[in-house]
Amino acid sequence: MCGKERSSTTDNVDDLEVNKATVCGTIGVGAGYSQLNDFWTGLDIPMISEKTYAVCQNQNMDNAKNLA
């Protein structure tokens, strides 16, 4: 489209911000791990593990509770 390429990874366990944002967006649209997996497969993006998804989901839920 625009001719620009960018590389990104979800492998860095020290920086889960991309994963947390992805999981938050997935929850926000009413989807879950399986739907995210299907979507990323269609985009040829390696999927995060179920364990990483659960960690990010729990962190997002804890953050939401602290805001309430």
C-alpha atoms as a PDB file:
ATOM      1  CA  MET A   1       0.000   0.000   0.000  1.00  0.00           C
ATOM      2  CA  CYS A   2       2.293   2.781   1.216  1.00  0.00           C
ATOM      3  CA  GLY A   3       5.504   0.874   0.581  1.00  0.00           C
ATOM      4  CA  LYS A   4       6.594   1.038   4.229  1.00  0.00           C
ATOM      5  CA  GLU A   5       7.471  -2.013   6.273  1.00  0.00           C
ATOM      6  CA  ARG A   6       7.855  -2.361  10.008  1.00  0.00           C
ATOM      7  CA  SER A   7       8.949  -5.237  12.156  1.00  0.00           C
ATOM      8  CA  SER A   8       7.436  -6.005  15.539  1.00  0.00           C
ATOM      9  CA  THR A   9       7.659  -8.882  17.964  1.00  0.00           C
ATOM     10  CA  THR A  10       5.628 -10.284  20.824  1.00  0.00           C
ATOM     11  CA  ASP A  11       8.473 -12.444  22.106  1.00  0.00           C
ATOM     12  CA  ASN A  12      10.034 -10.021  24.617  1.00  0.00           C
ATOM     13  CA  VAL A  13       8.620 -11.099  27.977  1.00  0.00           C
ATOM     14  CA  ASP A  14      10.194  -8.042  29.642  1.00  0.00           C
ATOM     15  CA  ASP A  15       7.962  -5.736  27.608  1.00  0.00           C
ATOM     16  CA  LEU A  16       4.397  -7.023  27.474  1.00  0.00           C
ATOM     17  CA  GLU A  17       2.843  -3.694  26.446  1.00  0.00           C
ATOM     18  CA  VAL A  18       2.090  -4.831  22.879  1.00  0.00           C
ATOM     19  CA  ASN A  19       0.607  -8.055  24.170  1.00  0.00           C
ATOM     20  CA  LYS A  20      -1.400  -6.269  26.895  1.00  0.00           C
ATOM     21  CA  ALA A  21      -2.793  -3.811  24.359  1.00  0.00           C
ATOM     22  CA  THR A  22      -3.694  -6.627  21.990  1.00  0.00           C
ATOM     23  CA  VAL A  23      -5.432  -8.621  24.710  1.00  0.00           C
ATOM     24  CA  CYS A  24      -7.250  -5.503  25.916  1.00  0.00           C
ATOM     25  CA  GLY A  25      -8.517  -4.829  22.391  1.00  0.00           C
ATOM     26  CA  THR A  26      -9.550  -8.440  21.978  1.00  0.00           C
ATOM     27  CA  ILE A  27     -11.550  -8.338  25.200  1.00  0.00           C
ATOM     28  CA  GLY A  28     -13.020  -4.971  24.201  1.00  0.00           C
ATOM     29  CA  VAL A  29     -14.590  -6.385  21.047  1.00  0.00           C
ATOM     30  CA  GLY A  30     -15.947  -9.422  22.889  1.00  0.00           C
ATOM     31  CA  ALA A  31     -13.457 -11.916  21.487  1.00  0.00           C
ATOM     32  CA  GLY A  32     -10.985 -14.233  23.160  1.00  0.00           C
ATOM     33  CA  TYR A  33      -7.811 -16.219  22.597  1.00  0.00           C
ATOM     34  CA  SER A  34      -9.203 -18.395  19.785  1.00  0.00           C
ATOM     35  CA  GLN A  35     -10.515 -15.456  17.790  1.00  0.00           C
ATOM     36  CA  LEU A  36      -7.238 -13.583  18.227  1.00  0.00           C
ATOM     37  CA  ASN A  37      -5.364 -16.686  17.087  1.00  0.00           C
ATOM     38  CA  ASP A  38      -7.543 -16.924  13.966  1.00  0.00           C
ATOM     39  CA  PHE A  39      -7.043 -13.231  13.201  1.00  0.00           C
ATOM     40  CA  TRP A  40      -3.253 -13.330  13.650  1.00  0.00           C
ATOM     41  CA  THR A  41      -3.042 -16.532  11.586  1.00  0.00           C
ATOM     42  CA  GLY A  42      -4.789 -14.710   8.752  1.00  0.00           C
ATOM     43  CA  LEU A  43      -2.206 -11.928   9.009  1.00  0.00           C
ATOM     44  CA  ASP A  44       0.676 -14.448   9.251  1.00  0.00           C
ATOM     45  CA  ILE A  45       1.711 -13.110  12.684  1.00  0.00           C
ATOM     46  CA  PRO A  46       3.068 -15.595  15.252  1.00  0.00           C
ATOM     47  CA  MET A  47       0.562 -16.026  18.075  1.00  0.00           C
ATOM     48  CA  ILE A  48       1.330 -15.461  21.739  1.00  0.00           C
ATOM     49  CA  SER A  49       0.923 -18.494  23.990  1.00  0.00           C
ATOM     50  CA  GLU A  50      -2.248 -19.097  25.976  1.00  0.00           C
ATOM     51  CA  LYS A  51      -0.185 -18.565  29.134  1.00  0.00           C
ATOM     52  CA  THR A  52       1.003 -15.131  27.947  1.00  0.00           C
ATOM     53  CA  TYR A  53      -2.568 -14.264  26.938  1.00  0.00           C
ATOM     54  CA  ALA A  54      -3.812 -15.225  30.416  1.00  0.00           C
ATOM     55  CA  VAL A  55      -1.067 -13.191  32.128  1.00  0.00           C
ATOM     56  CA  CYS A  56      -1.940 -10.121  30.050  1.00  0.00           C
ATOM     57  CA  GLN A  57      -5.666 -10.646  30.609  1.00  0.00           C
ATOM     58  CA  ASN A  58      -5.152 -10.845  34.377  1.00  0.00           C
ATOM     59  CA  GLN A  59      -2.965  -7.721  34.363  1.00  0.00           C
ATOM     60  CA  ASN A  60      -5.606  -5.839  32.369  1.00  0.00           C
ATOM     61  CA  MET A  61      -8.354  -6.964  34.749  1.00  0.00           C
ATOM     62  CA  ASP A  62      -6.283  -5.949  37.789  1.00  0.00           C
ATOM     63  CA  ASN A  63      -5.671  -2.524  36.239  1.00  0.00           C
ATOM     64  CA  ALA A  64      -9.391  -2.133  35.557  1.00  0.00           C
ATOM     65  CA  LYS A  65     -10.254  -3.023  39.174  1.00  0.00           C
ATOM     66  CA  ASN A  66      -7.768  -0.448  40.442  1.00  0.00           C
ATOM     67  CA  LEU A  67      -9.416   2.250  38.319  1.00  0.00           C
ATOM     68  CA  ALA A  68     -12.896   1.489  39.635  1.00  0.00           C
END
